[in-house]
N, C-alpha and C. Protein backbone atom coordinates (compact mmCIF):
# COMPACT_ATOMS: atom_id res chain seq x y z
N MET A 1 153.64 4.69 139.58
CA MET A 1 153.80 5.29 138.63
C MET A 1 152.27 5.22 138.27
N LYS A 2 151.97 3.98 137.61
CA LYS A 2 150.61 3.68 137.66
C LYS A 2 149.78 3.50 139.02
N VAL A 3 150.15 3.30 140.10
CA VAL A 3 148.95 3.60 140.89
C VAL A 3 148.88 5.03 141.39
N ASN A 4 149.54 5.85 141.17
CA ASN A 4 148.88 7.17 141.50
C ASN A 4 147.84 7.66 139.96
N SER A 5 147.35 7.02 138.52
CA SER A 5 147.01 7.30 137.66
C SER A 5 145.83 6.41 137.90
N MET A 6 145.96 5.39 138.47
CA MET A 6 145.03 4.59 138.90
C MET A 6 143.99 5.14 140.06
N ILE A 7 144.73 5.83 141.12
CA ILE A 7 144.34 6.77 142.14
C ILE A 7 143.67 7.71 141.88
N LYS A 8 144.18 8.54 141.00
CA LYS A 8 143.56 9.86 140.06
C LYS A 8 142.18 9.27 139.76
N SER A 9 141.99 8.15 138.67
CA SER A 9 141.45 7.26 137.89
C SER A 9 139.79 7.39 138.68
N ALA A 10 140.30 7.05 139.85
CA ALA A 10 139.27 6.58 140.61
C ALA A 10 138.25 7.55 141.32
N LEU A 11 139.54 8.63 142.00
CA LEU A 11 138.55 9.76 142.81
C LEU A 11 138.39 10.44 141.38
N LEU A 12 138.13 10.61 140.35
CA LEU A 12 137.52 10.82 139.39
C LEU A 12 136.48 10.62 139.16
N ALA A 13 136.21 8.96 139.03
CA ALA A 13 134.78 8.90 138.85
C ALA A 13 134.71 8.89 140.01
N TRP A 14 134.39 8.57 141.20
CA TRP A 14 133.95 8.72 142.60
C TRP A 14 133.19 10.61 142.30
N ILE A 15 133.69 11.22 141.83
CA ILE A 15 133.64 12.83 141.98
C ILE A 15 132.34 12.96 140.98
N LEU A 16 132.39 12.48 139.97
CA LEU A 16 131.68 12.25 139.01
C LEU A 16 130.33 11.71 139.23
N THR A 17 130.30 10.72 139.88
CA THR A 17 129.36 9.98 140.36
C THR A 17 128.94 10.72 141.25
N PHE A 18 129.65 11.28 142.38
CA PHE A 18 128.25 12.04 143.37
C PHE A 18 127.94 13.15 143.32
N SER A 19 128.77 13.90 142.38
CA SER A 19 128.67 15.46 142.30
C SER A 19 127.52 15.65 141.44
N CYS A 20 126.25 15.02 140.89
CA CYS A 20 125.18 15.15 140.18
C CYS A 20 124.21 15.48 142.09
N ALA A 21 124.65 14.67 142.87
CA ALA A 21 123.14 14.87 143.90
C ALA A 21 123.42 16.35 144.77
N ALA A 22 124.52 17.55 144.40
CA ALA A 22 124.53 18.51 145.09
C ALA A 22 123.63 19.32 144.60
N GLN A 23 122.74 20.45 145.54
CA GLN A 23 122.24 20.91 144.67
C GLN A 23 122.21 22.35 145.58
N ALA A 24 122.36 23.71 144.89
CA ALA A 24 122.62 24.98 146.03
C ALA A 24 120.99 25.71 145.59
N CYS A 25 120.38 25.91 146.53
CA CYS A 25 119.38 26.93 146.62
C CYS A 25 119.48 28.38 147.47
N THR A 26 119.26 29.30 147.22
CA THR A 26 118.83 30.18 148.04
C THR A 26 117.47 30.62 148.00
N CYS A 27 116.98 31.17 148.83
CA CYS A 27 115.87 31.43 149.31
C CYS A 27 115.40 32.68 149.22
N ALA A 28 114.54 33.81 149.48
CA ALA A 28 114.45 34.99 149.35
C ALA A 28 113.27 35.34 150.46
N PHE A 29 113.40 34.25 151.40
CA PHE A 29 112.81 34.09 152.11
C PHE A 29 113.41 33.60 153.71
N ALA A 30 112.99 33.84 154.57
CA ALA A 30 113.60 33.42 155.90
C ALA A 30 112.55 32.13 156.54
N PRO A 31 113.26 31.59 157.13
CA PRO A 31 112.32 30.34 157.65
C PRO A 31 111.17 31.08 158.45
N LEU A 32 110.25 30.43 158.76
CA LEU A 32 109.12 30.86 159.80
C LEU A 32 109.72 30.40 161.30
N ASP A 33 109.84 31.64 161.86
CA ASP A 33 110.25 31.32 163.32
C ASP A 33 109.64 32.61 164.59
N THR A 34 110.23 32.08 165.24
CA THR A 34 109.13 33.22 166.15
C THR A 34 109.30 34.63 166.10
N GLU A 35 110.27 35.67 166.03
CA GLU A 35 110.46 36.95 165.62
C GLU A 35 109.55 36.93 164.21
N SER A 36 109.48 36.42 163.40
CA SER A 36 108.78 36.61 162.11
C SER A 36 107.50 36.77 162.55
N ALA A 37 106.93 35.40 163.24
CA ALA A 37 105.56 35.47 163.88
C ALA A 37 104.68 36.78 164.40
N ARG A 38 105.70 36.85 165.65
CA ARG A 38 105.31 38.42 165.86
C ARG A 38 105.33 39.43 165.30
N ASN A 39 106.02 39.21 164.43
CA ASN A 39 106.23 40.59 163.58
C ASN A 39 105.25 40.81 162.82
N ALA A 40 104.72 39.35 162.21
CA ALA A 40 103.41 39.65 161.36
C ALA A 40 102.32 40.38 161.58
N LYS A 41 101.31 41.49 160.70
CA LYS A 41 100.16 41.91 160.89
C LYS A 41 98.70 41.34 161.06
N ASP A 42 99.50 40.47 160.06
CA ASP A 42 97.90 39.90 160.35
C ASP A 42 98.69 38.04 160.12
N VAL A 43 97.32 37.67 160.87
CA VAL A 43 97.70 36.04 161.24
C VAL A 43 96.42 35.74 161.38
N PHE A 44 95.89 34.56 160.95
CA PHE A 44 94.70 33.90 160.73
C PHE A 44 94.77 32.44 160.53
N ILE A 45 93.87 31.83 160.82
CA ILE A 45 93.66 30.14 160.22
C ILE A 45 92.93 30.00 159.71
N PHE A 46 93.53 29.22 158.41
CA PHE A 46 92.34 28.74 157.23
C PHE A 46 92.64 27.22 156.70
N ARG A 47 91.70 27.41 155.49
CA ARG A 47 92.02 25.80 155.54
C ARG A 47 91.69 26.11 153.74
N LEU A 48 92.90 25.46 153.27
CA LEU A 48 92.76 25.29 151.69
C LEU A 48 92.07 24.73 150.61
N THR A 49 91.22 25.10 150.31
CA THR A 49 89.75 24.69 149.62
C THR A 49 89.77 24.13 148.12
N GLN A 50 90.78 24.56 147.64
CA GLN A 50 90.77 24.45 146.21
C GLN A 50 92.08 25.03 145.43
N ALA A 51 92.74 23.96 144.56
CA ALA A 51 93.80 24.53 143.84
C ALA A 51 93.96 24.67 142.46
N LYS A 52 94.77 24.78 142.35
CA LYS A 52 94.33 24.66 140.71
C LYS A 52 95.85 25.00 139.69
N VAL A 53 96.63 24.11 139.17
CA VAL A 53 97.89 24.25 138.60
C VAL A 53 97.77 25.26 137.07
N LYS A 54 98.78 25.94 137.56
CA LYS A 54 99.12 26.97 136.40
C LYS A 54 100.95 26.76 135.93
N LEU A 55 101.23 26.43 135.06
CA LEU A 55 102.58 26.32 134.58
C LEU A 55 103.39 27.86 134.61
N ASN A 56 104.60 27.90 135.17
CA ASN A 56 105.51 29.18 135.21
C ASN A 56 106.55 28.84 133.84
N SER A 57 107.26 28.48 133.53
CA SER A 57 108.03 27.61 132.91
C SER A 57 109.15 26.78 132.66
N ASP A 58 109.90 26.13 131.63
CA ASP A 58 110.59 25.38 131.43
C ASP A 58 111.70 25.53 132.80
N ASP A 59 111.57 26.44 133.42
CA ASP A 59 112.90 26.48 134.42
C ASP A 59 112.27 25.27 135.87
N GLU A 60 112.94 24.35 135.72
CA GLU A 60 112.91 23.16 137.11
C GLU A 60 112.76 23.68 138.21
N ARG A 61 113.66 25.10 138.56
CA ARG A 61 113.44 25.51 139.67
C ARG A 61 112.39 26.16 140.26
N THR A 62 111.88 27.19 139.04
CA THR A 62 110.90 27.76 139.59
C THR A 62 109.01 26.87 140.17
N GLY A 63 109.27 25.70 139.53
CA GLY A 63 108.44 25.00 139.81
C GLY A 63 107.18 24.87 139.10
N THR A 64 106.00 25.08 139.46
CA THR A 64 105.17 24.99 139.04
C THR A 64 104.21 25.72 140.10
N GLU A 65 103.29 27.20 139.29
CA GLU A 65 102.59 27.42 140.78
C GLU A 65 101.38 27.07 140.47
N ILE A 66 100.44 27.60 141.61
CA ILE A 66 99.73 27.04 142.44
C ILE A 66 98.57 27.84 142.84
N ILE A 67 97.57 28.33 141.99
CA ILE A 67 96.37 29.32 142.47
C ILE A 67 95.30 29.15 143.36
N GLY A 68 95.26 29.31 144.74
CA GLY A 68 94.12 28.42 145.29
C GLY A 68 93.08 29.34 146.04
N GLN A 69 91.75 28.34 146.41
CA GLN A 69 90.94 29.34 147.57
C GLN A 69 91.27 28.71 148.65
N ILE A 70 91.04 29.95 149.95
CA ILE A 70 90.85 29.38 150.94
C ILE A 70 89.87 29.64 151.63
N LYS A 71 89.67 29.11 152.86
CA LYS A 71 88.53 29.64 153.15
C LYS A 71 88.98 30.24 154.95
N THR A 72 88.93 31.72 155.58
CA THR A 72 89.65 31.59 156.81
C THR A 72 88.61 31.06 158.11
N ILE A 73 88.87 30.42 159.01
CA ILE A 73 88.40 30.00 160.22
C ILE A 73 88.69 30.88 161.20
N GLU A 74 89.64 31.43 161.33
CA GLU A 74 89.63 32.19 162.48
C GLU A 74 90.66 33.44 162.25
N ARG A 75 89.98 34.54 162.51
CA ARG A 75 91.32 35.84 162.77
C ARG A 75 92.39 36.03 163.84
N LEU A 76 93.06 35.91 164.03
CA LEU A 76 94.06 35.68 165.18
C LEU A 76 94.52 37.36 165.59
N ARG A 77 94.74 37.72 164.45
CA ARG A 77 95.85 39.42 164.53
C ARG A 77 95.51 39.91 162.70
N GLY A 78 94.95 41.49 163.25
CA GLY A 78 95.03 42.38 162.06
C GLY A 78 93.96 42.52 161.18
N ALA A 79 94.11 42.67 159.92
CA ALA A 79 92.60 42.85 159.18
C ALA A 79 91.37 42.38 159.01
N LYS A 80 90.43 43.34 159.08
CA LYS A 80 89.37 42.39 159.21
C LYS A 80 88.84 41.55 157.91
N LYS A 81 89.24 41.98 156.57
CA LYS A 81 88.82 41.44 155.63
C LYS A 81 90.21 40.67 155.06
N LEU A 82 89.92 39.34 155.17
CA LEU A 82 91.54 38.67 154.71
C LEU A 82 90.98 37.85 153.67
N PRO A 83 92.26 37.48 152.96
CA PRO A 83 91.67 36.89 151.68
C PRO A 83 91.44 35.94 151.32
N GLU A 84 90.84 35.68 150.32
CA GLU A 84 90.27 34.63 149.68
C GLU A 84 91.04 33.18 148.53
N LYS A 85 92.29 33.86 148.18
CA LYS A 85 92.69 33.39 147.54
C LYS A 85 94.39 33.00 147.94
N ILE A 86 95.10 32.38 147.28
CA ILE A 86 96.76 31.58 147.66
C ILE A 86 97.36 31.74 146.52
N LYS A 87 98.18 32.01 146.43
CA LYS A 87 99.54 31.54 145.55
C LYS A 87 100.56 31.30 146.17
N PHE A 88 100.78 29.87 145.09
CA PHE A 88 102.28 29.82 146.38
C PHE A 88 103.26 28.68 144.68
N ALA A 89 104.55 28.42 145.20
CA ALA A 89 105.09 27.82 144.24
C ALA A 89 106.03 26.59 144.58
N THR A 90 105.46 25.29 143.29
CA THR A 90 106.11 24.08 144.27
C THR A 90 107.76 23.55 143.76
N GLY A 91 108.33 24.62 143.37
CA GLY A 91 109.98 24.18 142.72
C GLY A 91 110.43 23.60 144.02
N ALA A 92 111.82 22.51 143.56
CA ALA A 92 112.06 21.91 144.46
C ALA A 92 113.29 23.01 145.43
N CYS A 93 113.70 24.37 144.99
CA CYS A 93 114.23 25.03 145.92
C CYS A 93 113.30 25.90 146.30
N CYS A 94 112.88 26.18 147.38
CA CYS A 94 112.32 26.79 148.42
C CYS A 94 110.65 26.80 147.84
N GLY A 95 110.57 25.71 147.52
CA GLY A 95 108.95 25.63 147.25
C GLY A 95 107.94 24.96 148.05
N THR A 96 106.76 25.01 148.41
CA THR A 96 105.55 24.83 149.29
C THR A 96 104.87 23.90 148.67
N ARG A 97 104.91 22.96 150.00
CA ARG A 97 103.69 22.34 149.92
C ARG A 97 102.47 22.69 150.61
N LEU A 98 101.56 22.66 150.34
CA LEU A 98 100.02 22.98 150.84
C LEU A 98 99.28 22.25 150.49
N ASP A 99 98.44 20.89 151.11
CA ASP A 99 97.66 20.40 150.27
C ASP A 99 96.07 20.45 150.74
N VAL A 100 95.31 20.45 149.78
CA VAL A 100 93.94 20.81 149.84
C VAL A 100 93.34 20.35 150.88
N GLY A 101 92.18 21.44 151.81
CA GLY A 101 91.83 20.14 152.52
C GLY A 101 92.02 20.71 153.90
N GLU A 102 93.95 20.55 153.69
CA GLU A 102 94.13 20.47 155.42
C GLU A 102 94.24 22.61 155.73
N TYR A 103 94.72 22.34 157.24
CA TYR A 103 94.48 23.74 157.92
C TYR A 103 95.94 24.37 158.04
N PHE A 104 95.91 25.62 158.02
CA PHE A 104 97.40 26.22 157.77
C PHE A 104 96.63 27.58 159.28
N VAL A 105 98.06 28.29 159.47
CA VAL A 105 98.20 29.21 159.69
C VAL A 105 99.16 30.32 158.85
N ALA A 106 98.98 31.42 158.68
CA ALA A 106 99.19 32.07 158.07
C ALA A 106 100.25 33.48 158.57
N PHE A 107 101.03 34.06 158.81
CA PHE A 107 101.61 35.02 159.35
C PHE A 107 102.06 36.17 158.40
N VAL A 108 101.25 36.82 158.24
CA VAL A 108 101.94 37.76 156.71
C VAL A 108 101.36 39.02 156.93
N SER A 109 101.85 39.88 156.52
CA SER A 109 102.05 41.52 156.65
C SER A 109 101.13 42.63 155.61
N ASP A 110 101.29 42.29 154.14
CA ASP A 110 100.46 42.52 153.66
C ASP A 110 99.49 41.97 152.62
N VAL A 111 98.19 41.76 152.79
CA VAL A 111 96.79 41.24 152.75
C VAL A 111 96.15 41.97 151.70
N GLY A 112 95.54 41.13 150.73
CA GLY A 112 95.07 41.87 149.92
C GLY A 112 93.85 40.82 149.65
N SER A 113 92.97 40.88 148.05
CA SER A 113 92.47 39.49 148.06
C SER A 113 92.96 38.22 147.86
N GLN A 114 94.60 38.35 147.88
CA GLN A 114 95.48 37.07 147.35
C GLN A 114 96.69 37.92 148.39
N PHE A 115 97.71 36.00 148.78
CA PHE A 115 98.29 36.38 149.15
C PHE A 115 99.49 35.28 148.86
N VAL A 116 100.43 35.26 148.90
CA VAL A 116 101.44 34.43 148.13
C VAL A 116 102.09 33.80 149.70
N ALA A 117 102.07 32.16 149.80
CA ALA A 117 102.53 31.60 150.96
C ALA A 117 103.78 31.02 150.48
N ASN A 118 104.37 30.41 151.65
CA ASN A 118 105.72 30.38 151.40
C ASN A 118 105.94 29.52 152.96
N SER A 119 107.32 28.38 152.77
CA SER A 119 107.44 28.28 154.39
C SER A 119 107.88 29.13 155.19
N GLY A 120 107.97 30.47 154.82
CA GLY A 120 108.71 31.48 155.76
C GLY A 120 107.19 32.02 156.38
N ASN A 121 106.12 31.64 155.55
CA ASN A 121 104.64 32.64 156.45
C ASN A 121 103.94 32.01 157.01
N VAL A 122 103.89 30.63 156.43
CA VAL A 122 102.74 29.58 156.55
C VAL A 122 103.20 28.19 157.23
N MET A 123 102.33 27.93 158.08
CA MET A 123 102.34 26.79 158.74
C MET A 123 101.62 25.78 158.60
N GLU A 124 101.25 24.54 158.51
CA GLU A 124 100.09 23.53 158.53
C GLU A 124 99.90 23.38 159.84
N VAL A 125 99.12 22.99 160.33
CA VAL A 125 98.53 23.01 161.60
C VAL A 125 97.64 21.48 162.02
N GLY A 126 97.51 21.00 160.69
CA GLY A 126 96.64 19.81 160.71
C GLY A 126 95.54 19.54 160.00
N GLY A 127 95.06 18.41 159.57
CA GLY A 127 93.81 17.92 158.70
C GLY A 127 92.74 17.54 159.81
N LYS A 128 93.51 17.20 160.64
CA LYS A 128 92.28 16.84 162.09
C LYS A 128 92.58 18.41 163.22
N TYR A 129 92.22 19.63 162.46
CA TYR A 129 92.17 20.58 163.00
C TYR A 129 91.33 21.32 164.53
N ARG A 130 92.12 20.89 165.75
CA ARG A 130 91.54 21.32 166.91
C ARG A 130 91.60 22.78 166.98
N LEU A 131 90.84 23.36 167.09
CA LEU A 131 90.65 25.01 167.16
C LEU A 131 91.31 25.44 168.17
N SER A 132 91.21 24.58 169.49
CA SER A 132 91.18 25.46 171.16
C SER A 132 93.00 24.90 171.40
N ASP A 133 93.16 24.06 171.06
CA ASP A 133 94.98 23.55 171.28
C ASP A 133 95.71 24.37 170.41
N THR A 134 95.34 24.83 168.92
CA THR A 134 96.34 25.79 168.23
C THR A 134 96.57 26.66 168.59
N ARG A 135 95.17 27.03 168.69
CA ARG A 135 94.59 28.83 168.64
C ARG A 135 95.57 29.39 169.99
N GLU A 136 95.66 28.51 170.96
CA GLU A 136 96.32 28.74 172.16
C GLU A 136 97.21 29.07 171.98
N ARG A 137 98.26 28.02 171.45
CA ARG A 137 99.48 27.58 171.08
C ARG A 137 100.15 28.88 170.11
N ILE A 138 99.19 29.64 169.47
CA ILE A 138 99.63 30.45 168.71
C ILE A 138 99.38 31.94 169.48
N LEU A 139 98.66 32.04 170.33
CA LEU A 139 98.24 33.19 170.44
C LEU A 139 98.93 33.40 171.80
N ALA A 140 100.37 31.96 172.38
CA ALA A 140 101.49 32.57 173.33
C ALA A 140 102.18 32.45 172.87
N VAL A 141 102.26 32.63 171.81
CA VAL A 141 103.55 32.82 170.76
C VAL A 141 103.35 34.21 170.50
N LEU A 142 102.05 34.83 170.13
CA LEU A 142 102.02 36.31 169.34
C LEU A 142 102.18 37.29 170.66
N ASP A 143 101.64 36.60 172.02
CA ASP A 143 101.76 37.51 173.17
C ASP A 143 103.27 37.17 173.81
N GLY A 144 104.08 36.39 173.07
CA GLY A 144 105.40 36.67 173.76
C GLY A 144 105.43 35.85 174.93
N LYS A 145 104.25 34.93 175.52
CA LYS A 145 104.74 34.10 176.81
C LYS A 145 105.60 32.30 176.06
N GLU A 146 105.47 32.24 174.83
CA GLU A 146 106.08 31.03 174.19
C GLU A 146 106.82 31.37 173.04
N ARG A 147 107.92 30.60 172.41
CA ARG A 147 108.40 31.14 171.54
C ARG A 147 107.57 29.52 170.51
N LEU A 148 107.51 29.87 169.04
CA LEU A 148 107.18 29.39 168.28
C LEU A 148 107.95 27.77 167.73
N GLU A 149 109.72 27.88 167.69
CA GLU A 149 110.03 27.03 168.16
C GLU A 149 109.93 25.70 169.61
N ASP A 150 109.25 26.44 170.30
CA ASP A 150 109.12 25.64 171.46
C ASP A 150 107.80 24.80 171.07
N VAL A 151 106.80 25.16 170.73
CA VAL A 151 105.23 25.26 170.71
C VAL A 151 104.73 24.39 169.74
N PHE A 152 105.91 24.47 168.54
CA PHE A 152 105.50 23.66 167.38
C PHE A 152 106.76 23.36 167.03
N SER A 153 107.05 21.94 166.90
CA SER A 153 108.44 20.87 166.72
C SER A 153 108.56 21.46 165.30
N ARG A 154 110.30 20.99 164.97
CA ARG A 154 110.28 21.67 164.08
C ARG A 154 109.47 20.43 162.40
N ALA A 155 109.63 19.39 163.24
CA ALA A 155 108.53 18.83 162.00
C ALA A 155 107.27 19.68 161.55
N ASP A 156 106.54 19.90 162.53
CA ASP A 156 105.82 20.87 162.27
C ASP A 156 105.61 21.99 161.33
N ARG A 157 106.88 22.81 161.56
CA ARG A 157 106.92 23.99 161.11
C ARG A 157 107.82 23.63 160.01
N ASP A 158 108.34 22.59 159.17
CA ASP A 158 108.43 22.44 158.21
C ASP A 158 107.86 21.22 157.17
N ARG A 159 106.14 21.03 157.44
CA ARG A 159 105.48 20.54 157.17
C ARG A 159 105.19 21.14 155.69
N THR A 160 105.16 22.57 155.64
CA THR A 160 104.82 23.09 153.91
C THR A 160 105.87 23.58 153.50
N GLU A 161 106.90 22.95 153.63
CA GLU A 161 108.57 23.27 152.83
C GLU A 161 108.33 22.02 151.94
N GLN A 162 108.63 21.89 150.16
CA GLN A 162 108.60 21.42 149.27
C GLN A 162 109.93 20.35 149.40
N SER A 163 109.80 19.26 149.66
CA SER A 163 111.32 18.23 149.62
C SER A 163 112.07 18.42 148.53
N PRO A 164 113.31 19.00 148.25
CA PRO A 164 113.84 18.97 146.98
C PRO A 164 113.77 17.45 146.51
N VAL A 165 113.76 17.62 145.28
CA VAL A 165 113.13 16.17 144.38
C VAL A 165 114.98 16.48 143.17
N LEU A 166 116.26 15.75 143.97
CA LEU A 166 117.35 15.76 143.39
C LEU A 166 117.06 15.68 142.13
N PRO A 167 117.11 16.06 140.77
CA PRO A 167 117.36 15.88 139.33
C PRO A 167 118.72 14.38 138.72
N PRO A 168 117.59 14.00 138.07
CA PRO A 168 118.67 12.69 137.91
C PRO A 168 119.97 12.99 137.59
N CYS A 169 120.54 12.23 138.16
CA CYS A 169 122.09 12.14 137.29
C CYS A 169 122.13 11.75 135.54
N PRO A 170 122.84 12.41 135.16
CA PRO A 170 123.12 12.65 133.41
C PRO A 170 123.65 10.79 133.63
N ARG A 171 123.06 10.33 132.63
CA ARG A 171 123.32 8.88 131.54
C ARG A 171 124.42 9.20 130.70
N LYS A 172 125.84 8.22 130.45
CA LYS A 172 126.40 8.28 129.75
C LYS A 172 125.66 7.37 128.57
N ALA A 173 125.74 7.72 127.27
CA ALA A 173 125.12 6.65 126.42
C ALA A 173 125.85 5.52 125.90
N LEU A 174 125.26 4.29 125.80
CA LEU A 174 125.54 3.07 125.78
C LEU A 174 126.34 2.99 124.06
N ILE A 175 127.57 2.94 124.13
CA ILE A 175 128.47 2.90 122.68
C ILE A 175 128.95 1.42 123.25
N ASN A 176 128.86 1.25 121.48
CA ASN A 176 129.18 -0.15 121.68
C ASN A 176 128.70 -1.25 121.97
N SER A 177 127.26 -1.27 122.53
CA SER A 177 127.11 -2.26 123.68
C SER A 177 126.52 -3.28 123.09
N PRO A 178 126.90 -4.58 123.48
CA PRO A 178 127.06 -6.19 123.08
C PRO A 178 125.49 -6.52 122.90
N ASN A 179 124.20 -6.04 123.75
CA ASN A 179 122.80 -6.33 123.04
C ASN A 179 122.11 -4.72 122.35
N PRO A 180 122.74 -4.07 121.68
CA PRO A 180 121.73 -2.38 121.33
C PRO A 180 120.49 -2.84 121.29
N ALA A 181 119.63 -1.96 121.94
CA ALA A 181 118.01 -2.28 121.78
C ALA A 181 118.06 -1.90 120.08
N PRO A 182 116.71 -3.06 119.54
CA PRO A 182 116.67 -2.83 118.40
C PRO A 182 115.83 -1.12 117.58
N SER A 183 116.43 -0.94 116.52
CA SER A 183 115.96 0.29 116.45
C SER A 183 114.29 0.36 115.37
N PRO A 184 113.42 0.90 115.35
CA PRO A 184 112.09 1.07 115.00
C PRO A 184 112.54 0.11 113.27
N SER A 185 113.67 0.98 112.63
CA SER A 185 113.92 -0.02 111.14
C SER A 185 114.40 -1.58 111.03
N HIS A 186 114.79 -1.49 112.42
CA HIS A 186 115.54 -3.05 112.37
C HIS A 186 114.20 -4.13 113.07
N THR A 187 113.36 -3.93 113.04
CA THR A 187 112.37 -4.74 113.99
C THR A 187 111.82 -6.28 112.87
N GLY A 188 112.37 -5.59 111.73
CA GLY A 188 111.54 -6.90 110.95
C GLY A 188 110.24 -6.68 110.19
N ALA A 189 109.51 -5.35 110.98
CA ALA A 189 108.13 -5.97 110.72
C ALA A 189 107.49 -5.11 109.23
């Protein structure tokens, strides 16, 4: 009988130890793939030139909202007047990582003066941007000659995805600790 309760206690301790590492997340957008790239009305290469942080809320999953300035390098399809501003969120769940100074390609359908970027419509094409090589690969995808998944590796397509930062596991307060930390009233000052 004691072995059974010891096993239950060990199992409970294991579950409590590792349960805090799980995090579920459902994004409102699908990851960037060949179909979404080809269906985009507007495709353009841009450089993020400036970014400012705007705190959303206390919700850690929402993260931080970023408002940025972009410079269009080349229009590959769509509207002649392309956006000059970009907005994205950096939350752990479905967040986007765009670094100032880097080059990206956007696959969007509704552009105005600003667009909302995420890892489902923007892909980094590198800081050492080579227009001819990247441009030709993107055009091959848009023309139906190549698949996005074949000409840009998974690592290339995932660089704009914010890696989830898991929250720390809750810690139990140390009760009856043999060496409690001194409180300000017990410092002898």
